C-alpha cells in the first residue's frame, strides 16, 4: 500500500489495500488508524471528495471496524 498525501486540515494521507479492503488513515497529529472492510467505492469517493475530512467523518469514521496502529 502506497500512502497518498492529500490536502486536508485533519487528514495527512491515506492508503488503501483492495485485496483486504483495508483503509489506513494518517492524521496530522501523527495517529494512524486502519479501517477494515471498506468497499472500494468508499475509498474512491473519499479520494474524489472536495472535502476529504468531511467525507471521512460522515461516511467512514465510526462506521467501520478499526484499530489504531500509531
Protein backbone atom coordinates (compact mmCIF):
# COMPACT_ATOMS: atom_id res chain seq x y z
CA UNK A 1 0.00 0.00 0.00
CA UNK A 2 1.43 3.35 -1.01
CA UNK A 3 0.33 6.34 1.05
CA UNK A 4 -1.31 9.15 -0.91
CA UNK A 5 -0.92 12.54 0.69
CA UNK A 6 -3.98 14.74 0.47
CA UNK A 7 -5.00 18.34 1.10
CA UNK A 8 -6.99 18.29 4.34
CA UNK A 9 -6.93 20.16 7.61
CA UNK A 10 -7.27 16.89 9.54
CA UNK A 11 -6.06 14.04 7.30
CA UNK A 12 -2.46 13.84 6.17
CA UNK A 13 -2.59 10.77 3.96
CA UNK A 14 -4.38 7.54 3.17
CA UNK A 15 -3.54 4.08 1.88
CA UNK A 16 -5.94 1.52 0.53
CA UNK A 17 -5.37 -2.20 0.14
CA UNK A 18 -8.00 -3.52 -2.30
CA UNK A 19 -7.20 -7.18 -1.60
CA UNK A 20 -8.22 -6.82 2.04
CA UNK A 21 -10.44 -3.71 1.76
CA UNK A 22 -8.31 -2.01 4.41
CA UNK A 23 -8.13 1.76 4.54
CA UNK A 24 -5.25 3.27 6.51
CA UNK A 25 -5.60 6.91 7.53
CA UNK A 26 -2.82 9.10 8.91
CA UNK A 27 -3.84 12.27 10.73
CA UNK A 28 -1.84 15.46 11.13
CA UNK A 29 -1.47 14.68 14.85
CA UNK A 30 0.58 11.57 13.95
CA UNK A 31 -2.07 8.97 14.74
CA UNK A 32 -2.63 6.21 12.20
CA UNK A 33 -5.74 4.04 12.04
CA UNK A 34 -6.70 1.08 9.91
CA UNK A 35 -10.35 0.69 8.89
CA UNK A 36 -11.48 -2.76 7.82
CA UNK A 37 -13.96 -3.98 5.19
CA UNK A 38 -14.10 -0.58 3.49
CA UNK A 39 -15.52 -1.10 -0.01
CA UNK A 40 -13.52 0.22 -2.96
CA UNK A 41 -16.36 2.63 -3.79
CA UNK A 42 -15.97 4.32 -0.39
CA UNK A 43 -12.23 4.78 -0.95
CA UNK A 44 -12.83 6.20 -4.44
CA UNK A 45 -15.49 8.57 -3.10
CA UNK A 46 -13.13 9.69 -0.32
CA UNK A 47 -10.39 10.48 -2.81
CA UNK A 48 -12.82 12.25 -5.19
CA UNK A 49 -14.50 14.30 -2.46
CA UNK A 50 -13.86 18.06 -2.41
CA UNK A 51 -13.57 17.75 1.39
CA UNK A 52 -11.69 14.60 2.39
CA UNK A 53 -12.12 15.29 6.10
CA UNK A 54 -15.86 15.89 5.86
CA UNK A 55 -16.35 12.73 3.79
CA UNK A 56 -14.24 10.72 6.24
CA UNK A 57 -16.19 11.99 9.25
CA UNK A 58 -19.60 11.30 7.69
CA UNK A 59 -19.03 8.04 5.83
CA UNK A 60 -16.04 6.22 7.33
CA UNK A 61 -15.31 7.23 10.95
CA UNK A 62 -17.30 5.06 13.38
CA UNK A 63 -18.93 3.13 10.51
CA UNK A 64 -16.22 0.51 10.03
CA UNK A 65 -14.30 -1.67 12.44
CA UNK A 66 -10.91 -0.07 13.12
CA UNK A 67 -7.74 -0.19 15.16
CA UNK A 68 -5.14 2.39 15.99
CA UNK A 69 -1.65 1.37 14.88
CA UNK A 70 0.20 4.54 15.87
